[in-house]
């Protein structure tokens, strides 16, 4: 039988400092993760309250929402109203799913009275209706008034896992406002409002695009995650305590 080398954790005459240090480090990490999830929980609850308060408010003119954006950088889910003329020839297609169907959200430039443009997400069309000529009734002519939710633009692609946009094929995988506008055939030097509008569910002629596609539900499992991390920390502390008592019970 071979004797254990000095420093092994179960050696009666030695103290397992390395095991203790690693255990305390793991305990601190688990507590830190749980605390971080509690902080995220408070943040998410505040965000949900803000969204609910905004989306239930009365619509404001687009100009007012734009002023708020310039001053705060955030107008997400603020109800807005805008009047203008659609440039249907410049509609951009954002790959999406809706109610189990694959297809596109249709972003159409709306020319405002001051000559500027805002990109409006008019809603969803199935994949086989990507070609606007297959849904002519929905290509509304003349001045229209759009009511919907203001959406913040994205500064960059949200993840490296998201494919690059393909303006040449008019397929967008993330909402790059500048690329959408640049490929929409708008007049040279056209000024673009720094917001999107997600149109509400008011029916379009012919039924397409189907509006009201804004996703409002936000997952909030931070409490569950916090309980998990704190529970693992408690379990580790219990294991360390039992091991400590057993070691103390060993004969010198």
Protein backbone atom coordinates (compact mmCIF):
# COMPACT_ATOMS: atom_id res chain seq x y z
CA UNK A 1 0.00 0.00 0.00
CA UNK A 2 1.41 3.40 -1.04
CA UNK A 3 1.31 6.28 1.44
CA UNK A 4 -0.32 9.57 0.36
CA UNK A 5 2.13 12.40 -0.32
CA UNK A 6 2.27 15.35 2.09
CA UNK A 7 -0.43 18.00 1.51
CA UNK A 8 -3.22 15.63 0.37
CA UNK A 9 -6.62 16.86 1.61
CA UNK A 10 -7.46 13.75 3.68
CA UNK A 11 -4.09 13.63 5.46
CA UNK A 12 -4.91 13.92 9.18
CA UNK A 13 -1.79 15.94 9.96
CA UNK A 14 -2.19 18.54 7.16
CA UNK A 15 -4.74 21.27 6.59
CA UNK A 16 -6.30 21.44 3.08
CA UNK A 17 -5.78 25.16 2.52
CA UNK A 18 -6.04 24.85 -1.26
CA UNK A 19 -9.44 23.17 -1.02
CA UNK A 20 -10.66 25.82 1.40
CA UNK A 21 -9.45 28.68 -0.80
CA UNK A 22 -11.04 27.19 -3.92
CA UNK A 23 -14.29 26.58 -2.04
CA UNK A 24 -14.42 30.15 -0.75
CA UNK A 25 -13.66 31.49 -4.24
CA UNK A 26 -16.47 29.40 -5.74
CA UNK A 27 -18.83 30.54 -2.98
CA UNK A 28 -18.00 34.20 -3.66
CA UNK A 29 -18.57 33.73 -7.40
CA UNK A 30 -21.97 32.09 -6.83
CA UNK A 31 -23.05 34.87 -4.46
CA UNK A 32 -21.86 37.44 -6.99
CA UNK A 33 -23.85 35.82 -9.79
CA UNK A 34 -26.97 35.71 -7.63
CA UNK A 35 -26.59 39.37 -6.67
CA UNK A 36 -26.09 40.31 -10.32
CA UNK A 37 -29.35 38.56 -11.22
CA UNK A 38 -31.16 40.47 -8.45
CA UNK A 39 -29.84 43.71 -9.94
CA UNK A 40 -30.96 42.57 -13.40
CA UNK A 41 -34.38 41.74 -11.92
CA UNK A 42 -34.83 45.31 -10.63
CA UNK A 43 -33.66 46.68 -14.00
CA UNK A 44 -36.04 44.43 -15.96
CA UNK A 45 -39.00 45.28 -13.72
CA UNK A 46 -38.29 48.99 -14.22
CA UNK A 47 -38.03 48.49 -17.98
CA UNK A 48 -41.35 46.62 -18.11
CA UNK A 49 -43.05 49.36 -16.08
CA UNK A 50 -41.64 52.02 -18.43
CA UNK A 51 -42.82 50.15 -21.52
CA UNK A 52 -46.30 49.63 -20.08
CA UNK A 53 -46.59 53.30 -19.14
CA UNK A 54 -45.46 54.41 -22.59
CA UNK A 55 -47.54 52.07 -24.72
CA UNK A 56 -50.72 52.90 -22.78
CA UNK A 57 -50.24 56.65 -23.21
CA UNK A 58 -51.95 58.75 -25.88
CA UNK A 59 -50.08 59.05 -29.20
CA UNK A 60 -47.85 62.10 -29.60
CA UNK A 61 -46.85 63.79 -32.85
CA UNK A 62 -43.76 62.30 -34.45
CA UNK A 63 -41.91 65.61 -34.01
CA UNK A 64 -42.43 65.43 -30.23
CA UNK A 65 -41.11 61.86 -30.09
CA UNK A 66 -38.14 62.92 -32.17
CA UNK A 67 -37.37 65.76 -29.72
CA UNK A 68 -37.49 63.25 -26.85
CA UNK A 69 -35.12 60.98 -28.71
CA UNK A 70 -32.61 63.77 -29.28
CA UNK A 71 -32.73 64.72 -25.58
CA UNK A 72 -32.83 61.25 -23.99
CA UNK A 73 -31.74 58.77 -26.70
CA UNK A 74 -34.72 56.53 -25.93
CA UNK A 75 -38.33 56.63 -27.13
CA UNK A 76 -38.90 52.90 -27.56
CA UNK A 77 -42.62 51.95 -27.48
CA UNK A 78 -43.83 55.56 -27.33
CA UNK A 79 -47.13 55.84 -29.26
CA UNK A 80 -46.77 58.28 -32.14
CA UNK A 81 -48.81 59.61 -35.02
CA UNK A 82 -47.41 60.74 -38.38
CA UNK A 83 -48.92 61.93 -41.64
CA UNK A 84 -47.32 61.64 -45.05
CA UNK A 85 -47.14 59.73 -48.31
CA UNK A 86 -45.72 56.24 -48.70
CA UNK A 87 -43.00 55.55 -51.25
CA UNK A 88 -43.91 51.91 -51.86
CA UNK A 89 -41.23 51.40 -54.47
CA UNK A 90 -38.68 51.77 -51.67
CA UNK A 91 -40.09 49.23 -49.24
CA UNK A 92 -37.45 47.19 -47.45
CA UNK A 93 -37.94 43.62 -46.25
CA UNK A 94 -36.85 42.43 -42.80
CA UNK A 95 -36.76 38.64 -42.40
CA UNK A 96 -39.19 37.65 -39.64
CA UNK A 97 -41.67 35.13 -38.34
CA UNK A 98 -45.15 35.99 -37.12
CA UNK A 99 -47.81 33.69 -35.74
CA UNK A 100 -45.81 30.68 -36.90
CA UNK A 101 -45.36 31.91 -40.49
CA UNK A 102 -42.08 32.77 -42.18
CA UNK A 103 -41.94 35.99 -44.11
CA UNK A 104 -40.97 39.64 -43.82
CA UNK A 105 -41.77 42.84 -42.00
CA UNK A 106 -42.31 45.53 -44.63
CA UNK A 107 -40.49 48.81 -43.91
CA UNK A 108 -41.77 51.57 -46.19
CA UNK A 109 -40.45 55.15 -46.40
CA UNK A 110 -43.11 57.69 -45.42
CA UNK A 111 -42.47 61.17 -46.80
CA UNK A 112 -43.49 63.84 -44.29
CA UNK A 113 -44.80 67.31 -45.06
CA UNK A 114 -41.35 68.82 -44.41
CA UNK A 115 -39.76 66.56 -47.06
CA UNK A 116 -38.06 64.24 -44.61
CA UNK A 117 -38.65 60.48 -44.47
CA UNK A 118 -39.38 58.02 -41.69
CA UNK A 119 -39.22 54.26 -42.13
CA UNK A 120 -42.50 52.63 -41.12
CA UNK A 121 -42.81 48.94 -40.30
CA UNK A 122 -46.23 48.44 -41.88
CA UNK A 123 -46.40 44.84 -40.71
CA UNK A 124 -45.92 41.25 -41.81
CA UNK A 125 -46.30 39.57 -45.19
CA UNK A 126 -45.80 35.83 -45.84
CA UNK A 127 -42.76 34.75 -47.78
CA UNK A 128 -44.74 34.26 -51.01
CA UNK A 129 -46.05 37.85 -50.81
CA UNK A 130 -42.62 39.50 -50.63
CA UNK A 131 -43.21 40.84 -54.14
CA UNK A 132 -45.43 43.91 -53.67
CA UNK A 133 -47.13 43.28 -57.03
CA UNK A 134 -48.90 40.31 -55.40
CA UNK A 135 -50.61 42.57 -52.84
CA UNK A 136 -51.54 45.70 -54.82
CA UNK A 137 -54.48 46.64 -52.59
CA UNK A 138 -52.10 47.24 -49.70
CA UNK A 139 -50.04 49.79 -51.63
CA UNK A 140 -52.05 52.75 -50.38
CA UNK A 141 -51.71 55.92 -52.45
CA UNK A 142 -51.97 59.53 -51.35
CA UNK A 143 -51.68 61.05 -47.92
CA UNK A 144 -52.09 58.67 -45.00
CA UNK A 145 -51.95 58.97 -41.23
CA UNK A 146 -50.00 56.27 -39.42
CA UNK A 147 -50.39 55.48 -35.74
CA UNK A 148 -47.95 53.15 -34.06
CA UNK A 149 -45.01 52.80 -31.70
CA UNK A 150 -41.72 54.64 -32.03
CA UNK A 151 -38.69 52.35 -32.02
CA UNK A 152 -35.09 53.28 -31.36
CA UNK A 153 -32.58 52.66 -34.17
CA UNK A 154 -29.75 50.18 -33.66
CA UNK A 155 -26.21 51.51 -33.54
CA UNK A 156 -24.73 48.22 -34.74
CA UNK A 157 -25.50 44.60 -35.53
CA UNK A 158 -26.83 43.09 -32.31
CA UNK A 159 -24.72 39.92 -32.49
CA UNK A 160 -21.99 38.34 -34.58
CA UNK A 161 -24.39 35.40 -35.03
CA UNK A 162 -26.80 37.61 -37.00
CA UNK A 163 -26.13 37.41 -40.77
CA UNK A 164 -25.08 40.50 -42.66
CA UNK A 165 -27.85 42.39 -44.42
CA UNK A 166 -28.23 41.87 -48.16
CA UNK A 167 -29.53 45.17 -49.59
CA UNK A 168 -29.01 43.92 -53.17
CA UNK A 169 -31.64 41.21 -52.57
CA UNK A 170 -33.69 43.47 -50.32
CA UNK A 171 -33.35 41.12 -47.35
CA UNK A 172 -32.41 42.56 -43.95
CA UNK A 173 -31.55 40.49 -40.90
CA UNK A 174 -31.17 43.42 -38.53
CA UNK A 175 -32.65 46.92 -38.59
CA UNK A 176 -29.86 49.00 -40.06
CA UNK A 177 -31.75 52.24 -40.60
CA UNK A 178 -29.05 53.86 -42.73
CA UNK A 179 -28.64 50.83 -45.02
CA UNK A 180 -32.40 50.51 -45.42
CA UNK A 181 -32.74 54.17 -46.34
CA UNK A 182 -29.70 54.17 -48.64
CA UNK A 183 -31.06 51.24 -50.65
CA UNK A 184 -34.65 52.52 -50.86
CA UNK A 185 -34.10 54.76 -53.89
CA UNK A 186 -34.91 57.98 -52.02
CA UNK A 187 -33.95 61.39 -53.46
CA UNK A 188 -30.30 62.34 -53.11
CA UNK A 189 -29.65 64.04 -49.80
CA UNK A 190 -32.96 62.91 -48.32
CA UNK A 191 -33.06 63.42 -44.55
CA UNK A 192 -34.18 60.41 -42.52
CA UNK A 193 -35.89 60.72 -39.14
CA UNK A 194 -33.69 58.85 -36.62
CA UNK A 195 -36.56 56.58 -35.54
CA UNK A 196 -38.63 53.74 -36.84
CA UNK A 197 -42.40 53.50 -36.49
CA UNK A 198 -44.10 50.15 -35.95
CA UNK A 199 -47.61 50.61 -37.35
CA UNK A 200 -50.52 49.51 -35.19
CA UNK A 201 -52.96 46.72 -36.06
CA UNK A 202 -55.31 48.91 -38.12
CA UNK A 203 -56.13 46.74 -41.17
CA UNK A 204 -54.53 47.58 -44.49
CA UNK A 205 -56.60 47.18 -47.69
CA UNK A 206 -56.41 43.57 -48.82
CA UNK A 207 -55.18 42.49 -45.40
CA UNK A 208 -51.46 42.84 -46.14
CA UNK A 209 -49.18 43.89 -44.62
CA UNK A 210 -50.69 42.78 -41.29
CA UNK A 211 -49.81 45.47 -38.74
CA UNK A 212 -49.44 45.37 -34.99
CA UNK A 213 -46.42 43.08 -35.03
CA UNK A 214 -44.39 44.80 -32.29
CA UNK A 215 -43.17 42.29 -29.71
CA UNK A 216 -43.98 43.63 -26.25
CA UNK A 217 -43.50 40.58 -24.02
CA UNK A 218 -40.13 40.64 -22.28
CA UNK A 219 -38.84 37.46 -20.59
CA UNK A 220 -38.13 37.98 -16.90
CA UNK A 221 -36.54 34.93 -15.28
CA UNK A 222 -33.96 36.82 -13.25
CA UNK A 223 -35.56 35.86 -9.92
CA UNK A 224 -35.41 32.19 -10.92
CA UNK A 225 -31.75 32.58 -11.90
CA UNK A 226 -30.94 34.42 -8.64
CA UNK A 227 -32.54 31.66 -6.55
CA UNK A 228 -30.54 29.07 -8.51
CA UNK A 229 -27.18 30.79 -7.90
CA UNK A 230 -27.93 31.48 -4.23
CA UNK A 231 -29.13 27.88 -3.83
CA UNK A 232 -25.87 26.55 -5.27
CA UNK A 233 -23.94 28.85 -2.92
CA UNK A 234 -25.92 27.52 0.05
CA UNK A 235 -25.33 23.91 -1.05
CA UNK A 236 -21.59 24.55 -1.38
CA UNK A 237 -21.49 26.16 2.07
CA UNK A 238 -23.27 23.12 3.54
CA UNK A 239 -20.82 20.72 1.90
CA UNK A 240 -17.85 22.72 3.18
CA UNK A 241 -19.33 22.79 6.71
CA UNK A 242 -19.87 19.02 6.74
CA UNK A 243 -16.36 18.42 5.46
CA UNK A 244 -14.96 20.74 8.14
CA UNK A 245 -16.79 18.90 10.94
CA UNK A 246 -15.68 15.50 9.68
CA UNK A 247 -12.10 16.67 9.52
CA UNK A 248 -12.20 18.00 13.05
CA UNK A 249 -13.55 14.66 14.18
CA UNK A 250 -10.46 12.85 12.84
CA UNK A 251 -7.93 11.78 15.47
CA UNK A 252 -4.77 13.95 15.63
